[in-house]
PDB file of N, CA and C in Angstrom:
ATOM      1  N   UNK A   1     -17.008 -13.084  -3.260  1.00  0.00           N
ATOM      2  CA  UNK A   1     -17.333 -14.463  -3.007  1.00  0.00           C
ATOM      3  C   UNK A   1     -18.427 -14.947  -3.942  1.00  0.00           C
ATOM      4  N   UNK A   2     -19.501 -14.192  -4.046  1.00  0.00           N
ATOM      5  CA  UNK A   2     -20.590 -14.578  -4.941  1.00  0.00           C
ATOM      6  C   UNK A   2     -20.121 -14.562  -6.390  1.00  0.00           C
ATOM      7  N   UNK A   3     -19.212 -13.664  -6.714  1.00  0.00           N
ATOM      8  CA  UNK A   3     -18.691 -13.576  -8.074  1.00  0.00           C
ATOM      9  C   UNK A   3     -17.916 -14.830  -8.446  1.00  0.00           C
ATOM     10  N   UNK A   4     -17.132 -15.354  -7.528  1.00  0.00           N
ATOM     11  CA  UNK A   4     -16.363 -16.579  -7.785  1.00  0.00           C
ATOM     12  C   UNK A   4     -17.315 -17.745  -8.017  1.00  0.00           C
ATOM     13  N   UNK A   5     -18.349 -17.862  -7.210  1.00  0.00           N
ATOM     14  CA  UNK A   5     -19.319 -18.951  -7.389  1.00  0.00           C
ATOM     15  C   UNK A   5     -20.078 -18.801  -8.699  1.00  0.00           C
ATOM     16  N   UNK A   6     -20.464 -17.576  -9.049  1.00  0.00           N
ATOM     17  CA  UNK A   6     -21.164 -17.339 -10.311  1.00  0.00           C
ATOM     18  C   UNK A   6     -20.284 -17.720 -11.499  1.00  0.00           C
ATOM     19  N   UNK A   7     -19.022 -17.311 -11.465  1.00  0.00           N
ATOM     20  CA  UNK A   7     -18.098 -17.651 -12.553  1.00  0.00           C
ATOM     21  C   UNK A   7     -17.949 -19.163 -12.678  1.00  0.00           C
ATOM     22  N   UNK A   8     -17.813 -19.854 -11.547  1.00  0.00           N
ATOM     23  CA  UNK A   8     -17.708 -21.321 -11.569  1.00  0.00           C
ATOM     24  C   UNK A   8     -18.953 -21.947 -12.189  1.00  0.00           C
ATOM     25  N   UNK A   9     -20.128 -21.457 -11.800  1.00  0.00           N
ATOM     26  CA  UNK A   9     -21.376 -22.019 -12.306  1.00  0.00           C
ATOM     27  C   UNK A   9     -21.525 -21.801 -13.808  1.00  0.00           C
ATOM     28  N   UNK A  10     -21.147 -20.626 -14.285  1.00  0.00           N
ATOM     29  CA  UNK A  10     -21.230 -20.340 -15.722  1.00  0.00           C
ATOM     30  C   UNK A  10     -20.253 -21.219 -16.495  1.00  0.00           C
ATOM     31  N   UNK A  11     -19.027 -21.338 -16.013  1.00  0.00           N
ATOM     32  CA  UNK A  11     -18.045 -22.197 -16.677  1.00  0.00           C
ATOM     33  C   UNK A  11     -18.489 -23.657 -16.676  1.00  0.00           C
ATOM     34  N   UNK A  12     -19.115 -24.103 -15.606  1.00  0.00           N
ATOM     35  CA  UNK A  12     -19.566 -25.490 -15.510  1.00  0.00           C
ATOM     36  C   UNK A  12     -20.710 -25.780 -16.471  1.00  0.00           C
ATOM     37  N   UNK A  13     -21.545 -24.788 -16.719  1.00  0.00           N
ATOM     38  CA  UNK A  13     -22.728 -24.988 -17.551  1.00  0.00           C
ATOM     39  C   UNK A  13     -22.402 -25.011 -19.038  1.00  0.00           C
ATOM     40  N   UNK A  14     -21.454 -24.226 -19.467  1.00  0.00           N
ATOM     41  CA  UNK A  14     -21.181 -24.077 -20.894  1.00  0.00           C
ATOM     42  C   UNK A  14     -19.854 -24.713 -21.273  1.00  0.00           C
ATOM     43  N   UNK A  15     -19.760 -25.124 -22.528  1.00  0.00           N
ATOM     44  CA  UNK A  15     -18.505 -25.651 -23.038  1.00  0.00           C
ATOM     45  C   UNK A  15     -18.528 -27.141 -23.294  1.00  0.00           C
ATOM     46  N   UNK A  16     -19.308 -27.878 -22.559  1.00  0.00           N
ATOM     47  CA  UNK A  16     -19.465 -29.311 -22.777  1.00  0.00           C
ATOM     48  C   UNK A  16     -20.933 -29.586 -23.074  1.00  0.00           C
ATOM     49  N   UNK A  17     -21.205 -30.793 -23.532  1.00  0.00           N
ATOM     50  CA  UNK A  17     -22.592 -31.145 -23.819  1.00  0.00           C
ATOM     51  C   UNK A  17     -23.426 -31.226 -22.549  1.00  0.00           C
ATOM     52  N   UNK A  18     -22.811 -31.641 -21.451  1.00  0.00           N
ATOM     53  CA  UNK A  18     -23.521 -31.739 -20.179  1.00  0.00           C
ATOM     54  C   UNK A  18     -22.815 -30.873 -19.143  1.00  0.00           C
ATOM     55  N   UNK A  19     -23.579 -30.353 -18.181  1.00  0.00           N
ATOM     56  CA  UNK A  19     -22.928 -29.583 -17.108  1.00  0.00           C
ATOM     57  C   UNK A  19     -21.871 -30.437 -16.404  1.00  0.00           C
ATOM     58  N   UNK A  20     -20.828 -29.799 -15.935  1.00  0.00           N
ATOM     59  CA  UNK A  20     -19.747 -30.519 -15.263  1.00  0.00           C
ATOM     60  C   UNK A  20     -19.529 -29.939 -13.876  1.00  0.00           C
ATOM     61  N   UNK A  21     -18.910 -30.706 -13.018  1.00  0.00           N
ATOM     62  CA  UNK A  21     -18.580 -30.269 -11.670  1.00  0.00           C
ATOM     63  C   UNK A  21     -17.192 -29.638 -11.694  1.00  0.00           C
ATOM     64  N   UNK A  22     -17.093 -28.406 -11.260  1.00  0.00           N
ATOM     65  CA  UNK A  22     -15.803 -27.725 -11.188  1.00  0.00           C
ATOM     66  C   UNK A  22     -15.506 -27.387  -9.735  1.00  0.00           C
ATOM     67  N   UNK A  23     -14.372 -27.842  -9.272  1.00  0.00           N
ATOM     68  CA  UNK A  23     -13.950 -27.564  -7.909  1.00  0.00           C
ATOM     69  C   UNK A  23     -12.643 -26.807  -7.903  1.00  0.00           C
ATOM     70  N   UNK A  24     -12.092 -26.583  -6.738  1.00  0.00           N
ATOM     71  CA  UNK A  24     -10.855 -25.814  -6.610  1.00  0.00           C
ATOM     72  C   UNK A  24      -9.689 -26.373  -7.426  1.00  0.00           C
ATOM     73  N   UNK A  25      -9.651 -27.685  -7.624  1.00  0.00           N
ATOM     74  CA  UNK A  25      -8.527 -28.263  -8.373  1.00  0.00           C
ATOM     75  C   UNK A  25      -8.630 -28.013  -9.876  1.00  0.00           C
ATOM     76  N   UNK A  26      -9.810 -27.642 -10.375  1.00  0.00           N
ATOM     77  CA  UNK A  26      -9.976 -27.355 -11.798  1.00  0.00           C
ATOM     78  C   UNK A  26      -9.970 -25.860 -12.117  1.00  0.00           C
ATOM     79  N   UNK A  27      -9.920 -25.025 -11.112  1.00  0.00           N
ATOM     80  CA  UNK A  27     -10.017 -23.581 -11.320  1.00  0.00           C
ATOM     81  C   UNK A  27      -8.748 -22.868 -10.873  1.00  0.00           C
ATOM     82  N   UNK A  28      -8.481 -21.756 -11.536  1.00  0.00           N
ATOM     83  CA  UNK A  28      -7.409 -20.860 -11.107  1.00  0.00           C
ATOM     84  C   UNK A  28      -8.018 -19.467 -11.022  1.00  0.00           C
ATOM     85  N   UNK A  29      -7.946 -18.863  -9.855  1.00  0.00           N
ATOM     86  CA  UNK A  29      -8.565 -17.561  -9.618  1.00  0.00           C
ATOM     87  C   UNK A  29      -7.509 -16.595  -9.117  1.00  0.00           C
ATOM     88  N   UNK A  30      -7.532 -15.392  -9.682  1.00  0.00           N
ATOM     89  CA  UNK A  30      -6.604 -14.346  -9.260  1.00  0.00           C
ATOM     90  C   UNK A  30      -7.329 -13.009  -9.282  1.00  0.00           C
ATOM     91  N   UNK A  31      -6.842 -12.087  -8.480  1.00  0.00           N
ATOM     92  CA  UNK A  31      -7.376 -10.729  -8.465  1.00  0.00           C
ATOM     93  C   UNK A  31      -6.236  -9.754  -8.721  1.00  0.00           C
ATOM     94  N   UNK A  32      -6.578  -8.650  -9.329  1.00  0.00           N
ATOM     95  CA  UNK A  32      -5.595  -7.611  -9.610  1.00  0.00           C
ATOM     96  C   UNK A  32      -5.448  -6.726  -8.379  1.00  0.00           C
ATOM     97  N   UNK A  33      -4.248  -6.647  -7.858  1.00  0.00           N
ATOM     98  CA  UNK A  33      -3.957  -5.799  -6.701  1.00  0.00           C
ATOM     99  C   UNK A  33      -3.396  -4.481  -7.219  1.00  0.00           C
ATOM    100  N   UNK A  34      -4.238  -3.477  -7.284  1.00  0.00           N
ATOM    101  CA  UNK A  34      -3.832  -2.178  -7.830  1.00  0.00           C
ATOM    102  C   UNK A  34      -2.924  -1.399  -6.895  1.00  0.00           C
ATOM    103  N   UNK A  35      -2.805  -1.855  -5.644  1.00  0.00           N
ATOM    104  CA  UNK A  35      -1.952  -1.141  -4.695  1.00  0.00           C
ATOM    105  C   UNK A  35      -0.491  -1.554  -4.813  1.00  0.00           C
ATOM    106  N   UNK A  36      -0.211  -2.639  -5.498  1.00  0.00           N
ATOM    107  CA  UNK A  36       1.168  -3.111  -5.658  1.00  0.00           C
ATOM    108  C   UNK A  36       1.824  -2.424  -6.848  1.00  0.00           C
ATOM    109  N   UNK A  37       3.137  -2.322  -6.808  1.00  0.00           N
ATOM    110  CA  UNK A  37       3.837  -1.779  -7.971  1.00  0.00           C
ATOM    111  C   UNK A  37       3.565  -2.661  -9.191  1.00  0.00           C
ATOM    112  N   UNK A  38       3.406  -2.050 -10.302  1.00  0.00           N
ATOM    113  CA  UNK A  38       3.181  -2.743 -11.572  1.00  0.00           C
ATOM    114  C   UNK A  38       1.887  -3.547 -11.595  1.00  0.00           C
ATOM    115  N   UNK A  39       0.924  -3.215 -10.738  1.00  0.00           N
ATOM    116  CA  UNK A  39      -0.412  -3.823 -10.743  1.00  0.00           C
ATOM    117  C   UNK A  39      -0.351  -5.342 -10.878  1.00  0.00           C
ATOM    118  N   UNK A  40       0.085  -5.999  -9.869  1.00  0.00           N
ATOM    119  CA  UNK A  40       0.329  -7.434  -9.846  1.00  0.00           C
ATOM    120  C   UNK A  40      -0.948  -8.226  -9.552  1.00  0.00           C
ATOM    121  N   UNK A  41      -1.083  -9.374 -10.202  1.00  0.00           N
ATOM    122  CA  UNK A  41      -2.166 -10.298  -9.889  1.00  0.00           C
ATOM    123  C   UNK A  41      -1.772 -11.166  -8.703  1.00  0.00           C
ATOM    124  N   UNK A  42      -2.734 -11.420  -7.836  1.00  0.00           N
ATOM    125  CA  UNK A  42      -2.522 -12.273  -6.672  1.00  0.00           C
ATOM    126  C   UNK A  42      -3.443 -13.482  -6.818  1.00  0.00           C
ATOM    127  N   UNK A  43      -2.858 -14.680  -6.838  1.00  0.00           N
ATOM    128  CA  UNK A  43      -3.647 -15.909  -6.976  1.00  0.00           C
ATOM    129  C   UNK A  43      -4.228 -16.335  -5.638  1.00  0.00           C
ATOM    130  N   UNK A  44      -5.445 -16.903  -5.698  1.00  0.00           N
ATOM    131  CA  UNK A  44      -6.047 -17.520  -4.519  1.00  0.00           C
ATOM    132  C   UNK A  44      -5.485 -18.925  -4.408  1.00  0.00           C
ATOM    133  N   UNK A  45      -5.035 -19.318  -3.224  1.00  0.00           N
ATOM    134  CA  UNK A  45      -4.572 -20.696  -3.057  1.00  0.00           C
ATOM    135  C   UNK A  45      -5.792 -21.620  -2.983  1.00  0.00           C
ATOM    136  N   UNK A  46      -5.561 -22.920  -3.075  1.00  0.00           N
ATOM    137  CA  UNK A  46      -6.669 -23.878  -3.151  1.00  0.00           C
ATOM    138  C   UNK A  46      -7.536 -23.862  -1.891  1.00  0.00           C
ATOM    139  N   UNK A  47      -6.938 -23.610  -0.739  1.00  0.00           N
ATOM    140  CA  UNK A  47      -7.718 -23.540   0.495  1.00  0.00           C
ATOM    141  C   UNK A  47      -8.685 -22.373   0.493  1.00  0.00           C
ATOM    142  N   UNK A  48      -8.191 -21.221   0.102  1.00  0.00           N
ATOM    143  CA  UNK A  48      -9.058 -20.028   0.032  1.00  0.00           C
ATOM    144  C   UNK A  48     -10.150 -20.222  -1.008  1.00  0.00           C
ATOM    145  N   UNK A  49      -9.784 -20.789  -2.147  1.00  0.00           N
ATOM    146  CA  UNK A  49     -10.763 -21.024  -3.201  1.00  0.00           C
ATOM    147  C   UNK A  49     -11.825 -22.024  -2.738  1.00  0.00           C
ATOM    148  N   UNK A  50     -11.426 -23.081  -2.059  1.00  0.00           N
ATOM    149  CA  UNK A  50     -12.384 -24.065  -1.540  1.00  0.00           C
ATOM    150  C   UNK A  50     -13.350 -23.405  -0.561  1.00  0.00           C
ATOM    151  N   UNK A  51     -12.842 -22.520   0.280  1.00  0.00           N
ATOM    152  CA  UNK A  51     -13.692 -21.809   1.234  1.00  0.00           C
ATOM    153  C   UNK A  51     -14.694 -20.922   0.509  1.00  0.00           C
ATOM    154  N   UNK A  52     -14.243 -20.198  -0.500  1.00  0.00           N
ATOM    155  CA  UNK A  52     -15.140 -19.315  -1.251  1.00  0.00           C
ATOM    156  C   UNK A  52     -16.226 -20.097  -1.978  1.00  0.00           C
ATOM    157  N   UNK A  53     -15.868 -21.232  -2.539  1.00  0.00           N
ATOM    158  CA  UNK A  53     -16.840 -22.023  -3.290  1.00  0.00           C
ATOM    159  C   UNK A  53     -17.835 -22.728  -2.376  1.00  0.00           C
ATOM    160  N   UNK A  54     -17.452 -22.994  -1.144  1.00  0.00           N
ATOM    161  CA  UNK A  54     -18.327 -23.704  -0.207  1.00  0.00           C
ATOM    162  C   UNK A  54     -19.373 -22.792   0.415  1.00  0.00           C
ATOM    163  N   UNK A  55     -19.118 -21.510   0.467  1.00  0.00           N
ATOM    164  CA  UNK A  55     -20.034 -20.575   1.144  1.00  0.00           C
ATOM    165  C   UNK A  55     -21.298 -20.358   0.355  1.00  0.00           C
TER     166      UNK A  55
END
């Protein structure tokens, strides 16, 4: 959870001349599920991402 917020904050700070607001609609987050065959990535849906960013 803290990692997702940190990544959002770093992305928001760099890349433009001014810091920008990044929310769930501007981000795509996935985790690697090593327990699945062929090591599949699992995407967070917008609801889960909104919850993680709000905490």
